[in-house]
Amino acid sequence: MSRHNRVAIGILLIVIATVGVAWGIMRRSPVVTSNKLSISTSFYPLWFFASQIGGQYADVHNITPSGAEPHDYEPTSQDVVTIESGNLLILNGGVEAWGDKLKASLKGTKTTVVVAGQGLLTHTLTENGVTGVDPHVWLQPQLAADEAQVIANAMIAADPVHATTYQENLQTLLSQLSQLDTAYRLGLSSCKQTAFVTSHAAFGYLAEHYGLTQQAIAGLSPDAEPSTQQLADVTAFAKKNNVRYIFFESLVSPKLAQTIAAEVGAKTLVLDPLEGVSPQDQTAGRDYVSIMTDNLHNLQLALQCTK
């Protein structure tokens, strides 16, 4: 055998041995997993709050897809797998029809269920003889801050190592919510009108807090079909209060709002209940704070406010 062949064979043997050692190390090494908190949230506002508080130390999965309506959305089997393998499931309460069933199935597991709106849902609405609880607390900035605090407390309990970061991030979020509250309070303090008409009864907490009157076309769920009498009542309310704008929502058909607007000689305008953010809004970089700010501007226009 020539010297050249012996050298080539020697190099080949070294390569084979090296690969073998590396493969053995790879097989013995454990799979590296994320040390972040794994959090599932039921719909957008809770996802936003948890993401802001968790920052780099949390992976937050939003169960309701972008552009979907959370009142009737059902988690997929993959959603359930993600929830069951995570640390926290954050619910609002009153929105998630599937919430109680999933809470029961998670008992005894490592996944802690957090109901951010617990103790905050104080409004009720009676429709067709049935009384329901109004869950839309996230649209009132001070109540949203209460929800954010509950979420932060749950994160700190689950991951005390990063408690300082969670607290710092919470304070930043609370400052944003406080600024929103101030903007609403000042911006709605001098208006010619205080009554507004919206697609569904999502703005009760906001209206009460800032001295406004909400008249909803539909009930607590945007998919509820209003009766002929309800439509007549809304039309009469709009005429009596000289309502110039009928509000509709980005995720729900505007047809009813358009029909009533045509009936009373009004225009239509968006008032977003933030139950989900459309793909277009996400692409444009819009979030809870910017959409709430847009809601304020549209309320000021509709109510003829001077500030």
Protein backbone atom coordinates (compact mmCIF):
# COMPACT_ATOMS: atom_id res chain seq x y z
CA MET A 1 0.00 0.00 0.00
CA SER A 2 1.39 3.40 -0.96
CA ARG A 3 2.19 6.04 1.59
CA HIS A 4 -0.51 8.26 0.10
CA ASN A 5 -3.20 5.58 0.62
CA ARG A 6 -2.09 4.95 4.20
CA VAL A 7 -2.42 8.67 5.01
CA ALA A 8 -5.88 8.84 3.43
CA ILE A 9 -7.09 5.80 5.39
CA GLY A 10 -5.71 7.26 8.61
CA ILE A 11 -7.54 10.54 8.07
CA LEU A 12 -10.77 8.67 7.30
CA LEU A 13 -10.49 6.65 10.52
CA ILE A 14 -9.97 9.85 12.54
CA VAL A 15 -13.04 11.46 10.97
CA ILE A 16 -15.16 8.37 11.67
CA ALA A 17 -14.00 8.27 15.29
CA THR A 18 -14.68 12.00 15.75
CA VAL A 19 -18.21 11.72 14.32
CA GLY A 20 -18.88 8.72 16.52
CA VAL A 21 -17.85 10.58 19.66
CA ALA A 22 -19.95 13.59 18.66
CA TRP A 23 -22.98 11.38 17.96
CA GLY A 24 -22.58 9.71 21.33
CA ILE A 25 -22.48 13.08 23.07
CA MET A 26 -25.58 14.21 21.18
CA ARG A 27 -27.45 11.06 22.16
CA ARG A 28 -26.49 11.38 25.83
CA SER A 29 -27.21 15.14 26.05
CA PRO A 30 -30.68 16.13 27.26
CA VAL A 31 -32.91 18.18 24.97
CA VAL A 32 -32.58 21.86 25.89
CA THR A 33 -36.00 23.30 26.77
CA SER A 34 -37.09 26.89 27.31
CA ASN A 35 -36.95 28.14 30.89
CA LYS A 36 -39.60 30.75 30.14
CA LEU A 37 -43.02 30.75 31.70
CA SER A 38 -45.50 29.07 29.36
CA ILE A 39 -48.77 31.02 29.47
CA SER A 40 -52.05 30.62 27.58
CA THR A 41 -54.57 33.47 27.49
CA SER A 42 -58.17 33.21 26.35
CA PHE A 43 -58.28 36.29 24.13
CA TYR A 44 -56.46 39.46 23.08
CA PRO A 45 -56.52 41.94 26.01
CA LEU A 46 -55.27 39.27 28.42
CA TRP A 47 -52.60 38.27 25.91
CA PHE A 48 -51.49 41.90 25.69
CA PHE A 49 -51.31 42.35 29.47
CA ALA A 50 -49.46 39.05 30.00
CA SER A 51 -47.01 39.76 27.17
CA GLN A 52 -46.21 43.22 28.49
CA ILE A 53 -45.64 41.93 32.02
CA GLY A 54 -43.80 38.74 31.06
CA GLY A 55 -41.46 40.32 28.55
CA GLN A 56 -38.48 38.14 27.70
CA TYR A 57 -39.27 35.61 30.43
CA ALA A 58 -42.66 34.45 29.16
CA ASP A 59 -44.00 32.66 26.10
CA VAL A 60 -47.62 33.78 25.79
CA HIS A 61 -50.03 31.85 23.55
CA ASN A 62 -53.33 33.52 22.63
CA ILE A 63 -56.06 30.89 22.28
CA THR A 64 -58.50 32.97 20.21
CA PRO A 65 -56.92 33.51 16.77
CA SER A 66 -56.36 36.93 15.29
CA GLY A 67 -59.61 38.26 13.89
CA ALA A 68 -61.82 35.69 15.65
CA GLU A 69 -64.60 36.52 18.15
CA PRO A 70 -63.95 35.03 21.64
CA HIS A 71 -67.56 34.77 22.84
CA ASP A 72 -68.17 31.61 20.80
CA TYR A 73 -64.66 30.40 19.93
CA GLU A 74 -63.79 26.89 21.10
CA PRO A 75 -60.15 25.88 21.74
CA THR A 76 -58.71 23.38 19.29
CA SER A 77 -57.13 20.11 20.40
CA GLN A 78 -53.73 21.73 19.88
CA ASP A 79 -54.77 24.65 22.10
CA VAL A 80 -55.69 22.17 24.84
CA VAL A 81 -52.32 20.42 24.52
CA THR A 82 -50.55 23.79 24.80
CA ILE A 83 -52.63 24.77 27.83
CA GLU A 84 -52.06 21.46 29.62
CA SER A 85 -48.30 21.63 29.08
CA GLY A 86 -48.03 25.22 30.30
CA ASN A 87 -47.68 26.97 33.64
CA LEU A 88 -50.64 29.36 33.55
CA LEU A 89 -54.02 29.64 31.85
CA ILE A 90 -55.39 33.18 32.12
CA LEU A 91 -59.12 33.73 31.70
CA ASN A 92 -61.21 36.87 32.00
CA GLY A 93 -64.36 35.21 33.29
CA GLY A 94 -67.77 35.58 31.69
CA VAL A 95 -66.44 35.43 28.11
CA GLU A 96 -65.06 31.91 27.82
CA ALA A 97 -67.95 29.46 27.44
CA TRP A 98 -65.40 26.64 27.65
CA GLY A 99 -63.63 28.00 30.72
CA ASP A 100 -65.37 26.07 33.49
CA LYS A 101 -65.04 22.73 31.71
CA LEU A 102 -61.32 23.25 31.13
CA LYS A 103 -60.74 24.47 34.67
CA ALA A 104 -62.21 21.22 35.96
CA SER A 105 -59.99 19.13 33.70
CA LEU A 106 -56.86 21.00 34.84
CA LYS A 107 -57.35 20.25 38.55
CA GLY A 108 -54.36 18.39 39.91
CA THR A 109 -52.12 19.34 36.98
CA LYS A 110 -49.17 21.72 36.92
CA THR A 111 -51.23 24.34 35.06
CA THR A 112 -52.62 27.07 37.29
CA VAL A 113 -55.87 28.71 36.17
CA VAL A 114 -56.07 32.47 36.77
CA VAL A 115 -59.37 34.35 36.41
CA ALA A 116 -58.21 37.94 35.99
CA GLY A 117 -61.70 39.45 36.20
CA GLN A 118 -62.73 37.64 39.38
CA GLY A 119 -64.49 40.08 41.71
CA LEU A 120 -64.64 42.78 39.02
CA LEU A 121 -67.72 41.65 37.06
CA THR A 122 -70.39 43.71 38.81
CA HIS A 123 -72.71 44.62 35.91
CA THR A 124 -75.62 42.49 34.74
CA LEU A 125 -77.94 42.79 31.76
CA THR A 126 -81.36 41.18 31.34
CA GLU A 127 -82.38 40.14 27.84
CA ASN A 128 -85.55 38.26 27.02
CA GLY A 129 -85.97 37.41 30.70
CA VAL A 130 -82.44 36.03 31.05
CA THR A 131 -79.91 37.89 33.20
CA GLY A 132 -76.27 37.73 32.17
CA VAL A 133 -73.07 39.06 33.70
CA ASP A 134 -71.23 41.77 31.77
CA PRO A 135 -67.59 40.63 31.39
CA HIS A 136 -66.18 43.64 29.49
CA VAL A 137 -64.06 45.07 32.31
CA TRP A 138 -60.91 45.36 30.15
CA LEU A 139 -62.45 48.38 28.38
CA GLN A 140 -62.32 50.48 31.55
CA PRO A 141 -58.63 51.34 32.13
CA GLN A 142 -58.76 51.21 35.93
CA LEU A 143 -60.38 47.76 35.87
CA ALA A 144 -57.88 46.70 33.21
CA ALA A 145 -55.16 47.70 35.66
CA ASP A 146 -56.76 45.47 38.29
CA GLU A 147 -56.65 42.57 35.84
CA ALA A 148 -53.01 43.30 35.04
CA GLN A 149 -52.16 43.16 38.75
CA VAL A 150 -53.82 39.74 39.11
CA ILE A 151 -51.85 38.47 36.11
CA ALA A 152 -48.57 39.81 37.48
CA ASN A 153 -49.21 38.21 40.87
CA ALA A 154 -49.75 34.84 39.18
CA MET A 155 -46.53 35.18 37.19
CA ILE A 156 -44.52 36.05 40.28
CA ALA A 157 -45.95 33.07 42.16
CA ALA A 158 -45.08 30.77 39.26
CA ASP A 159 -41.62 32.26 38.63
CA PRO A 160 -40.32 34.14 41.70
CA VAL A 161 -36.79 34.24 40.25
CA HIS A 162 -37.86 36.96 37.83
CA ALA A 163 -40.23 38.75 40.20
CA THR A 164 -38.35 42.04 39.98
CA THR A 165 -38.65 42.16 36.20
CA TYR A 166 -42.34 41.30 36.31
CA GLN A 167 -42.94 44.06 38.85
CA GLU A 168 -41.03 46.58 36.76
CA ASN A 169 -42.92 45.62 33.61
CA LEU A 170 -46.21 45.78 35.51
CA GLN A 171 -45.46 49.32 36.67
CA THR A 172 -44.79 50.37 33.07
CA LEU A 173 -48.12 48.88 31.98
CA LEU A 174 -49.99 50.44 34.92
CA SER A 175 -48.53 53.81 33.96
CA GLN A 176 -49.87 53.41 30.41
CA LEU A 177 -53.31 52.47 31.74
CA SER A 178 -53.30 55.41 34.13
CA GLN A 179 -52.46 57.74 31.25
CA LEU A 180 -55.35 56.24 29.25
CA ASP A 181 -57.71 56.81 32.17
CA THR A 182 -56.61 60.44 32.45
CA ALA A 183 -57.01 60.96 28.69
CA TYR A 184 -60.55 59.54 28.81
CA ARG A 185 -61.52 61.48 31.90
CA LEU A 186 -60.34 64.80 30.45
CA GLY A 187 -61.33 64.05 26.88
CA LEU A 188 -64.92 63.18 27.78
CA SER A 189 -65.45 65.85 30.43
CA SER A 190 -66.88 68.52 28.12
CA CYS A 191 -69.20 66.96 25.55
CA LYS A 192 -72.49 68.17 24.10
CA GLN A 193 -73.88 64.65 24.31
CA THR A 194 -73.38 61.75 26.68
CA ALA A 195 -75.45 59.04 24.95
CA PHE A 196 -74.09 56.71 22.30
CA VAL A 197 -75.33 53.67 20.36
CA THR A 198 -73.06 50.67 19.88
CA SER A 199 -73.30 47.23 18.27
CA HIS A 200 -73.37 45.21 21.48
CA ALA A 201 -73.34 45.95 25.19
CA ALA A 202 -69.57 45.97 25.65
CA PHE A 203 -69.05 49.46 27.01
CA GLY A 204 -71.12 49.46 30.20
CA TYR A 205 -68.17 49.72 32.59
CA LEU A 206 -66.54 52.42 30.47
CA ALA A 207 -69.80 54.39 30.17
CA GLU A 208 -70.50 54.27 33.90
CA HIS A 209 -66.96 55.33 34.81
CA TYR A 210 -66.95 58.38 32.54
CA GLY A 211 -70.57 59.47 32.99
CA LEU A 212 -71.91 58.26 29.64
CA THR A 213 -75.00 56.31 28.59
CA GLN A 214 -74.66 53.24 26.37
CA GLN A 215 -77.53 51.98 24.21
CA ALA A 216 -76.70 48.64 22.56
CA ILE A 217 -78.25 47.19 19.43
CA ALA A 218 -77.47 43.61 20.55
CA GLY A 219 -76.82 42.21 24.01
CA LEU A 220 -73.68 41.07 25.79
CA SER A 221 -72.68 38.85 22.86
CA PRO A 222 -72.09 40.52 19.49
CA ASP A 223 -73.75 37.57 17.74
CA ALA A 224 -77.04 37.97 19.61
CA GLU A 225 -79.95 38.72 17.29
CA PRO A 226 -81.92 41.75 18.50
CA SER A 227 -85.69 41.51 18.37
CA THR A 228 -87.84 43.83 16.30
CA GLN A 229 -88.78 45.63 19.52
CA GLN A 230 -85.13 46.10 20.46
CA LEU A 231 -84.37 47.61 17.05
CA ALA A 232 -87.34 49.94 17.42
CA ASP A 233 -86.17 50.97 20.90
CA VAL A 234 -82.65 51.69 19.67
CA THR A 235 -83.99 53.74 16.78
CA ALA A 236 -86.23 55.74 19.12
CA PHE A 237 -83.30 56.28 21.52
CA ALA A 238 -81.08 57.54 18.70
CA LYS A 239 -83.73 59.99 17.49
CA LYS A 240 -84.56 61.25 20.98
CA ASN A 241 -80.89 61.84 21.83
CA ASN A 242 -79.98 63.28 18.44
CA VAL A 243 -77.32 60.59 17.96
CA ARG A 244 -75.12 61.47 14.99
CA TYR A 245 -73.01 58.31 14.85
CA ILE A 246 -73.93 54.65 15.26
CA PHE A 247 -70.95 52.59 16.36
CA PHE A 248 -70.06 49.23 14.84
CA GLU A 249 -67.21 46.76 15.45
CA SER A 250 -64.33 45.60 13.29
CA LEU A 251 -64.96 41.85 13.85
CA VAL A 252 -68.74 41.87 13.42
CA SER A 253 -70.94 42.70 10.44
CA PRO A 254 -71.88 46.42 10.39
CA LYS A 255 -75.26 45.82 8.70
CA LEU A 256 -77.46 46.48 11.73
CA ALA A 257 -75.53 49.64 12.60
CA GLN A 258 -75.81 50.81 8.99
CA THR A 259 -79.56 50.09 8.93
CA ILE A 260 -80.23 52.13 12.06
CA ALA A 261 -77.91 54.91 10.90
CA ALA A 262 -79.85 55.17 7.66
CA GLU A 263 -83.13 55.21 9.59
CA VAL A 264 -82.13 58.13 11.85
CA GLY A 265 -79.91 60.04 9.41
CA ALA A 266 -76.63 59.25 11.23
CA LYS A 267 -73.20 58.09 10.13
CA THR A 268 -71.34 54.97 11.24
CA LEU A 269 -68.04 54.81 13.12
CA VAL A 270 -65.92 52.11 14.75
CA LEU A 271 -65.89 51.57 18.52
CA ASP A 272 -63.67 48.56 19.06
CA PRO A 273 -64.42 46.27 22.04
CA LEU A 274 -60.93 44.78 21.71
CA GLU A 275 -62.18 41.21 21.86
CA GLY A 276 -59.69 40.46 19.10
CA VAL A 277 -57.34 42.34 16.82
CA SER A 278 -57.65 41.88 13.07
CA PRO A 279 -54.63 40.69 11.05
CA GLN A 280 -54.55 44.09 9.34
CA ASP A 281 -54.32 45.90 12.66
CA GLN A 282 -51.59 43.55 13.87
CA THR A 283 -49.61 44.16 10.68
CA ALA A 284 -50.00 47.89 11.21
CA GLY A 285 -48.57 47.54 14.74
CA ARG A 286 -51.77 48.53 16.53
CA ASP A 287 -52.28 47.26 20.08
CA TYR A 288 -54.49 47.64 23.15
CA VAL A 289 -53.25 51.16 23.96
CA SER A 290 -53.45 52.55 20.43
CA ILE A 291 -56.91 51.06 19.79
CA MET A 292 -58.23 52.36 23.12
CA THR A 293 -56.85 55.78 22.11
CA ASP A 294 -58.66 55.55 18.77
CA ASN A 295 -61.86 54.63 20.64
CA LEU A 296 -61.51 57.80 22.69
CA HIS A 297 -61.09 59.95 19.59
CA ASN A 298 -64.17 58.39 17.96
CA LEU A 299 -66.23 58.89 21.13
CA GLN A 300 -65.14 62.53 21.22
CA LEU A 301 -66.25 62.97 17.61
CA ALA A 302 -69.60 61.25 18.16
CA LEU A 303 -70.34 63.06 21.42
CA GLN A 304 -69.15 66.46 20.15
CA CYS A 305 -66.55 66.94 22.84
CA THR A 306 -64.49 70.11 23.05
CA LYS A 307 -61.28 68.54 24.40
